[in-house]
Amino acid sequence: MSVKKAAAVGIRWAVELADGVQDLAWSPDGRWLASAAVSGPISLIASATGDVSREWRGHGGGTLKLAWSRDNRWLASGGQDGCARVWDPDGGGEQRRLAAGSDWVGGVSFSPYADLLITAAGKELRAWNLDGQLLRATQPHASTITDLAWHPRQPLLASSAFGKMHLWDWRSLESPEERTLPHPSSLLNARWSPNGRFLACGCQDNNLRGWTWPDTENFQMSGYLTKVRVLTWDRTSRWLATADREIVTVWDFAQGPPMGKAPLDFEGPLDTVRDLAFHPSRPWLAAGDQGGHLLVWDLDERGYRLLWQGTLRGGFQRLAWHPQERLLAVGGEDGTVAAFEFTR
């Protein structure tokens, strides 16, 4: 794979936070980047300047997940203290504290279709309105919920766990319909393709599995050496990228699930890859690894640009493309949060 210089890249800003980055989330309007630290603090960073405009204590024991409401008004967080919290980014601080369960809150997700917040704590899934009222607590999953993912075109939420993918139809907020898709392994994550045709998940048994929608035909791609913890779709729903140690594998779904077909293996100066992210409108795939390497591939030209190498202690934890601009936010294990800007 050749090295290309298809776009000029500079650093718009970089800040040093108190602790390693656990999660990053851009507000839908791109005004704010929220960062959650391993030890708990939540920082709100201005996209234009890199100024840390808000700092909150977050969750005791650590903050795990962040999610924005569709109207940019609220930021939700989940943490090790068994609570979900709702924050006002315009200066109001903590607005709601929700008793999400007895375990850590590993999932928070606002509905794109209604004023609804879903929390996942251990095996428990709970739904709340934006006033903090509990609307519904579902029956416990058989094991810990590992991920939440909304369908891009329907009020349908996927929740992954051991042995089953749960699909919740939230057209009725008080009484959602549940459908389950049995599975022989533990599902580590859930990712809908942007066109809503495919639901993919990485598995504990070193396989990539999933279903077509709405007919729920299953598919599987094997050959991985490790658990498939990292995967992401491109904007066209053609490409699904996954990471296996230092190898980034990209599957072509143009003709449907590519079972029995060879994928593209993208190689570069990488250590174990921790996160992948496709640009929301360009054919660019970013990868960050535990050694501090940051690469961006251009899928049209099949070449990459090395943006950063070896300058973070412990490497990269999270990557997040700006929803409108050519701006890539990165979070490091050493507390660095930076924004790379592609000028052309």
Protein backbone atom coordinates (compact mmCIF):
# COMPACT_ATOMS: atom_id res chain seq x y z
CA MET A 1 0.00 0.00 0.00
CA SER A 2 1.58 3.27 -1.12
CA VAL A 3 1.87 6.48 0.83
CA LYS A 4 -0.17 9.31 -0.72
CA LYS A 5 -0.44 13.00 0.02
CA ALA A 6 -3.94 13.56 -1.31
CA ALA A 7 -4.82 16.19 1.28
CA ALA A 8 -2.87 18.81 3.21
CA VAL A 9 -3.20 18.24 6.94
CA GLY A 10 -2.55 20.49 9.90
CA ILE A 11 -3.44 20.49 13.58
CA ARG A 12 -6.18 23.01 14.33
CA TRP A 13 -5.76 22.62 18.08
CA ALA A 14 -4.57 20.24 20.80
CA VAL A 15 -5.35 20.19 24.52
CA GLU A 16 -4.00 18.16 27.41
CA LEU A 17 -6.64 16.79 29.77
CA ALA A 18 -6.09 15.30 33.21
CA ASP A 19 -6.48 11.64 32.26
CA GLY A 20 -6.74 9.17 29.41
CA VAL A 21 -9.62 9.54 26.96
CA GLN A 22 -12.40 6.95 27.29
CA ASP A 23 -14.87 8.39 24.76
CA LEU A 24 -15.32 11.25 22.28
CA ALA A 25 -18.57 12.62 20.81
CA TRP A 26 -19.23 15.57 18.49
CA SER A 27 -22.49 17.47 18.92
CA PRO A 28 -24.70 17.06 15.81
CA ASP A 29 -24.17 20.70 14.84
CA GLY A 30 -20.39 20.31 15.20
CA ARG A 31 -20.08 23.12 17.72
CA TRP A 32 -18.75 21.00 20.60
CA LEU A 33 -16.54 17.98 21.12
CA ALA A 34 -17.27 16.16 24.36
CA SER A 35 -14.49 14.09 25.91
CA ALA A 36 -14.82 11.60 28.77
CA ALA A 37 -11.80 10.70 30.90
CA VAL A 38 -11.08 7.27 32.29
CA SER A 39 -11.20 8.66 35.85
CA GLY A 40 -14.53 10.43 35.30
CA PRO A 41 -14.20 14.11 34.27
CA ILE A 42 -16.11 15.29 31.19
CA SER A 43 -14.76 18.16 29.11
CA LEU A 44 -16.58 20.23 26.50
CA ILE A 45 -14.21 21.57 23.83
CA ALA A 46 -15.11 24.30 21.33
CA SER A 47 -14.68 23.01 17.79
CA ALA A 48 -13.43 26.29 16.35
CA THR A 49 -10.78 27.13 18.94
CA GLY A 50 -10.03 24.10 21.10
CA ASP A 51 -10.96 26.03 24.24
CA VAL A 52 -12.22 23.85 27.10
CA SER A 53 -15.50 25.66 27.75
CA ARG A 54 -16.98 23.30 30.33
CA GLU A 55 -15.53 20.79 32.78
CA TRP A 56 -17.69 18.51 34.90
CA ARG A 57 -16.69 15.94 37.51
CA GLY A 58 -18.57 13.22 35.67
CA HIS A 59 -19.00 9.80 37.24
CA GLY A 60 -17.36 8.34 40.31
CA GLY A 61 -15.12 5.46 39.28
CA GLY A 62 -15.01 6.62 35.67
CA THR A 63 -17.15 7.80 32.74
CA LEU A 64 -17.74 5.16 30.06
CA LYS A 65 -20.02 6.58 27.34
CA LEU A 66 -21.23 9.87 25.89
CA ALA A 67 -24.20 10.65 23.62
CA TRP A 68 -25.78 13.84 22.26
CA SER A 69 -29.47 14.54 21.76
CA ARG A 70 -30.55 15.13 18.16
CA ASP A 71 -31.22 18.86 18.83
CA ASN A 72 -27.77 19.49 20.46
CA ARG A 73 -29.51 20.51 23.67
CA TRP A 74 -28.40 17.67 25.96
CA LEU A 75 -25.32 15.53 26.50
CA ALA A 76 -25.83 12.19 28.25
CA SER A 77 -23.14 10.18 30.01
CA GLY A 78 -22.95 6.75 31.60
CA GLY A 79 -20.44 5.62 34.19
CA GLN A 80 -19.23 3.19 36.80
CA ASP A 81 -21.53 4.60 39.51
CA GLY A 82 -24.73 2.98 38.18
CA CYS A 83 -26.11 6.33 37.00
CA ALA A 84 -26.71 8.07 33.74
CA ARG A 85 -26.42 11.85 33.82
CA VAL A 86 -27.82 14.49 31.48
CA TRP A 87 -25.85 17.72 31.04
CA ASP A 88 -26.68 21.16 29.66
CA PRO A 89 -23.78 22.21 27.39
CA ASP A 90 -24.87 25.87 27.45
CA GLY A 91 -23.86 26.30 31.06
CA GLY A 92 -26.57 24.66 33.15
CA GLY A 93 -24.41 21.76 34.30
CA GLU A 94 -26.00 18.51 35.44
CA GLN A 95 -29.76 18.49 34.77
CA ARG A 96 -30.76 14.89 35.45
CA ARG A 97 -29.32 11.96 37.38
CA LEU A 98 -30.98 8.69 36.36
CA ALA A 99 -30.81 5.46 38.35
CA ALA A 100 -30.04 3.27 35.38
CA GLY A 101 -29.28 0.05 37.30
CA SER A 102 -27.13 -1.59 39.92
CA ASP A 103 -24.16 -2.08 37.58
CA TRP A 104 -22.00 0.23 35.53
CA VAL A 105 -23.81 2.11 32.76
CA GLY A 106 -22.07 0.99 29.60
CA GLY A 107 -24.59 2.42 27.15
CA VAL A 108 -26.45 5.72 26.69
CA SER A 109 -28.24 6.61 23.47
CA PHE A 110 -30.79 9.26 22.49
CA SER A 111 -33.39 8.24 19.94
CA PRO A 112 -33.05 10.05 16.57
CA TYR A 113 -36.84 9.85 16.21
CA ALA A 114 -38.36 10.85 19.56
CA ASP A 115 -37.56 12.51 22.88
CA LEU A 116 -36.25 9.30 24.35
CA LEU A 117 -33.04 8.29 26.14
CA ILE A 118 -32.03 4.63 26.42
CA THR A 119 -29.62 3.45 29.11
CA ALA A 120 -27.94 0.07 29.43
CA ALA A 121 -26.57 -1.04 32.81
CA GLY A 122 -25.36 -4.62 33.12
CA LYS A 123 -28.29 -6.70 31.78
CA GLU A 124 -30.87 -3.93 32.19
CA LEU A 125 -32.27 -1.69 29.46
CA ARG A 126 -34.30 1.35 30.54
CA ALA A 127 -36.08 4.09 28.61
CA TRP A 128 -36.54 7.66 29.87
CA ASN A 129 -38.22 10.79 28.61
CA LEU A 130 -36.21 14.00 28.60
CA ASP A 131 -37.77 15.09 31.89
CA GLY A 132 -36.08 12.13 33.56
CA GLN A 133 -39.22 10.02 33.94
CA LEU A 134 -38.74 6.27 33.61
CA LEU A 135 -41.01 5.04 30.81
CA ARG A 136 -40.02 1.40 30.58
CA ALA A 137 -37.62 -1.14 32.08
CA THR A 138 -37.31 -4.20 29.87
CA GLN A 139 -36.83 -7.75 31.06
CA PRO A 140 -33.13 -8.39 31.78
CA HIS A 141 -30.99 -9.70 28.97
CA ALA A 142 -29.39 -13.11 29.53
CA SER A 143 -25.99 -11.44 29.92
CA THR A 144 -24.35 -8.01 29.94
CA ILE A 145 -25.48 -5.62 27.21
CA THR A 146 -22.42 -4.77 25.13
CA ASP A 147 -23.72 -2.14 22.70
CA LEU A 148 -26.69 -0.06 21.51
CA ALA A 149 -27.36 0.98 17.90
CA TRP A 150 -30.34 2.78 16.32
CA HIS A 151 -31.50 1.84 12.86
CA PRO A 152 -30.83 4.84 10.55
CA ARG A 153 -34.38 4.96 9.14
CA GLN A 154 -36.68 3.36 11.69
CA PRO A 155 -37.29 3.72 15.47
CA LEU A 156 -35.60 0.35 15.93
CA LEU A 157 -32.87 -0.16 18.53
CA ALA A 158 -30.42 -3.08 18.51
CA SER A 159 -28.91 -4.20 21.82
CA SER A 160 -26.19 -6.84 21.71
CA ALA A 161 -25.39 -9.46 24.36
CA PHE A 162 -24.31 -13.08 24.69
CA GLY A 163 -26.29 -15.47 22.51
CA LYS A 164 -28.80 -12.94 21.13
CA MET A 165 -29.23 -9.70 19.29
CA HIS A 166 -32.30 -7.90 20.66
CA LEU A 167 -34.30 -5.60 18.37
CA TRP A 168 -36.67 -3.11 20.02
CA ASP A 169 -39.36 -1.29 18.04
CA TRP A 170 -39.95 2.01 19.91
CA ARG A 171 -42.89 3.33 17.89
CA SER A 172 -44.80 2.87 21.14
CA LEU A 173 -42.66 4.48 23.83
CA GLU A 174 -44.46 2.81 26.72
CA SER A 175 -44.63 -0.68 25.19
CA PRO A 176 -41.88 -1.46 22.67
CA GLU A 177 -42.05 -4.66 20.67
CA GLU A 178 -39.07 -6.99 21.09
CA ARG A 179 -37.61 -9.39 18.56
CA THR A 180 -34.55 -11.54 19.16
CA LEU A 181 -32.03 -12.99 16.74
CA PRO A 182 -30.31 -16.03 18.31
CA HIS A 183 -26.58 -16.33 18.01
CA PRO A 184 -24.03 -18.96 19.14
CA SER A 185 -21.45 -16.49 20.47
CA SER A 186 -21.09 -13.37 22.57
CA LEU A 187 -21.77 -10.24 20.50
CA LEU A 188 -19.34 -7.44 21.33
CA ASN A 189 -20.93 -4.59 19.39
CA ALA A 190 -23.67 -3.63 16.93
CA ARG A 191 -23.35 -1.47 13.79
CA TRP A 192 -26.13 -0.69 11.31
CA SER A 193 -25.09 0.24 7.79
CA PRO A 194 -26.20 3.80 6.91
CA ASN A 195 -28.76 2.48 4.40
CA GLY A 196 -30.25 0.19 7.07
CA ARG A 197 -29.77 -2.99 5.02
CA PHE A 198 -27.19 -4.71 7.24
CA LEU A 199 -26.57 -5.13 10.97
CA ALA A 200 -22.99 -6.24 11.68
CA CYS A 201 -21.35 -7.30 14.93
CA GLY A 202 -17.96 -8.44 16.11
CA CYS A 203 -17.89 -11.62 18.16
CA GLN A 204 -16.05 -13.24 21.02
CA ASP A 205 -15.31 -16.27 18.80
CA ASN A 206 -13.07 -14.26 16.40
CA ASN A 207 -15.74 -13.92 13.70
CA LEU A 208 -17.59 -11.08 12.04
CA ARG A 209 -21.31 -11.86 11.91
CA GLY A 210 -24.54 -10.10 11.11
CA TRP A 211 -27.95 -10.03 9.47
CA THR A 212 -29.60 -8.52 6.45
CA TRP A 213 -32.66 -6.38 7.12
CA PRO A 214 -35.60 -6.82 7.15
CA ASP A 215 -35.40 -10.51 6.16
CA THR A 216 -32.80 -11.25 8.93
CA GLU A 217 -30.73 -13.66 6.85
CA ASN A 218 -27.47 -14.17 8.74
CA PHE A 219 -23.94 -13.88 7.40
CA GLN A 220 -20.46 -14.63 8.72
CA MET A 221 -16.90 -13.78 7.75
CA SER A 222 -14.08 -15.61 9.51
CA GLY A 223 -10.29 -15.75 9.53
CA TYR A 224 -9.65 -13.28 12.34
CA LEU A 225 -6.95 -13.99 14.91
CA THR A 226 -8.58 -11.95 17.68
CA LYS A 227 -11.99 -10.80 18.89
CA VAL A 228 -13.55 -8.30 16.49
CA ARG A 229 -13.88 -5.30 18.79
CA VAL A 230 -13.53 -2.51 16.20
CA LEU A 231 -15.74 -2.04 13.12
CA THR A 232 -17.23 0.87 11.19
CA TRP A 233 -19.28 1.48 8.01
CA ASP A 234 -18.57 4.06 5.32
CA ARG A 235 -21.22 6.59 4.31
CA THR A 236 -22.31 4.62 1.20
CA SER A 237 -22.85 1.32 3.09
CA ARG A 238 -20.52 -0.38 0.63
CA TRP A 239 -17.48 -0.73 2.88
CA LEU A 240 -17.28 -2.28 6.35
CA ALA A 241 -13.89 -1.85 8.01
CA THR A 242 -12.65 -4.03 10.88
CA ALA A 243 -9.42 -4.31 12.83
CA ASP A 244 -7.47 -7.45 13.72
CA ARG A 245 -4.30 -6.55 15.61
CA GLU A 246 -2.29 -4.43 13.17
CA ILE A 247 -4.33 -5.34 10.07
CA VAL A 248 -7.30 -3.28 8.88
CA THR A 249 -9.69 -5.42 6.81
CA VAL A 250 -12.30 -3.82 4.56
CA TRP A 251 -15.26 -5.86 3.24
CA ASP A 252 -17.17 -4.92 0.09
CA PHE A 253 -20.96 -5.11 0.56
CA ALA A 254 -21.84 -3.67 -2.87
CA GLN A 255 -23.44 -6.98 -3.91
CA GLY A 256 -24.58 -8.00 -0.44
CA PRO A 257 -22.70 -9.81 2.34
CA PRO A 258 -19.32 -10.87 0.86
CA MET A 259 -19.22 -14.41 2.26
CA GLY A 260 -16.57 -16.49 0.50
CA LYS A 261 -14.97 -13.41 -1.08
CA ALA A 262 -11.57 -11.95 -0.27
CA PRO A 263 -11.54 -8.59 1.54
CA LEU A 264 -9.10 -5.74 1.16
CA ASP A 265 -6.32 -5.83 3.75
CA PHE A 266 -4.93 -2.36 4.45
CA GLU A 267 -1.48 -2.44 5.98
CA GLY A 268 0.72 0.33 7.26
CA PRO A 269 3.09 1.16 10.13
CA LEU A 270 0.55 0.04 12.74
CA ASP A 271 0.62 -1.62 16.13
CA THR A 272 -2.63 -3.03 17.58
CA VAL A 273 -5.47 -0.88 16.19
CA ARG A 274 -7.79 0.54 18.84
CA ASP A 275 -10.24 2.55 16.75
CA LEU A 276 -11.40 3.11 13.17
CA ALA A 277 -13.58 5.88 11.73
CA PHE A 278 -14.88 6.69 8.26
CA HIS A 279 -15.32 10.32 7.24
CA PRO A 280 -19.06 11.19 6.94
CA SER A 281 -18.79 12.38 3.32
CA ARG A 282 -15.34 11.46 1.96
CA PRO A 283 -13.85 8.02 1.18
CA TRP A 284 -11.36 8.40 4.06
CA LEU A 285 -10.77 5.78 6.74
CA ALA A 286 -8.82 6.76 9.86
CA ALA A 287 -7.04 4.27 12.12
CA GLY A 288 -5.35 4.87 15.47
CA ASP A 289 -3.23 2.32 17.32
CA GLN A 290 -1.79 1.67 20.75
CA GLY A 291 1.70 2.73 19.64
CA GLY A 292 0.67 6.30 18.77
CA HIS A 293 0.31 5.93 15.00
CA LEU A 294 -2.53 7.72 13.20
CA LEU A 295 -3.20 6.87 9.55
CA VAL A 296 -5.85 7.92 7.05
CA TRP A 297 -6.51 5.85 3.93
CA ASP A 298 -8.15 7.16 0.77
CA LEU A 299 -10.25 4.22 -0.44
CA ASP A 300 -10.48 5.65 -3.95
CA GLU A 301 -6.69 5.80 -4.33
CA ARG A 302 -5.91 2.91 -1.94
CA GLY A 303 -3.11 4.89 -0.35
CA TYR A 304 -2.58 6.27 3.14
CA ARG A 305 -1.14 9.29 4.87
CA LEU A 306 0.65 8.94 8.19
CA LEU A 307 -0.52 11.88 10.30
CA TRP A 308 1.11 11.21 13.64
CA GLN A 309 3.67 8.73 14.91
CA GLY A 310 4.86 7.85 18.37
CA THR A 311 4.05 11.08 20.18
CA LEU A 312 1.39 9.77 22.55
CA ARG A 313 2.29 7.77 25.64
CA GLY A 314 0.18 4.63 25.29
CA GLY A 315 -1.29 5.55 21.93
CA PHE A 316 -4.76 6.42 20.65
CA GLN A 317 -8.02 5.45 22.30
CA ARG A 318 -10.77 7.14 20.23
CA LEU A 319 -11.25 8.76 16.81
CA ALA A 320 -14.20 10.93 15.72
CA TRP A 321 -14.77 12.82 12.46
CA HIS A 322 -16.54 16.17 12.63
CA PRO A 323 -20.11 15.81 11.25
CA GLN A 324 -19.67 18.62 8.69
CA GLU A 325 -16.01 19.60 8.38
CA ARG A 326 -12.83 17.83 7.29
CA LEU A 327 -11.77 17.64 10.92
CA LEU A 328 -10.63 14.50 12.72
CA ALA A 329 -10.66 14.49 16.51
CA VAL A 330 -8.39 12.06 18.35
CA GLY A 331 -8.13 11.10 22.00
CA GLY A 332 -5.08 9.53 23.58
CA GLU A 333 -4.34 7.37 26.57
CA ASP A 334 -2.17 10.18 27.95
CA GLY A 335 -5.06 12.69 27.95
CA THR A 336 -4.26 14.41 24.64
CA VAL A 337 -7.25 15.54 22.59
CA ALA A 338 -6.39 17.03 19.19
CA ALA A 339 -8.15 18.01 15.97
CA PHE A 340 -6.50 17.39 12.59
CA GLU A 341 -7.76 19.59 9.77
CA PHE A 342 -7.73 18.49 6.12
CA THR A 343 -7.45 21.69 4.05
CA ARG A 344 -7.98 20.13 0.61
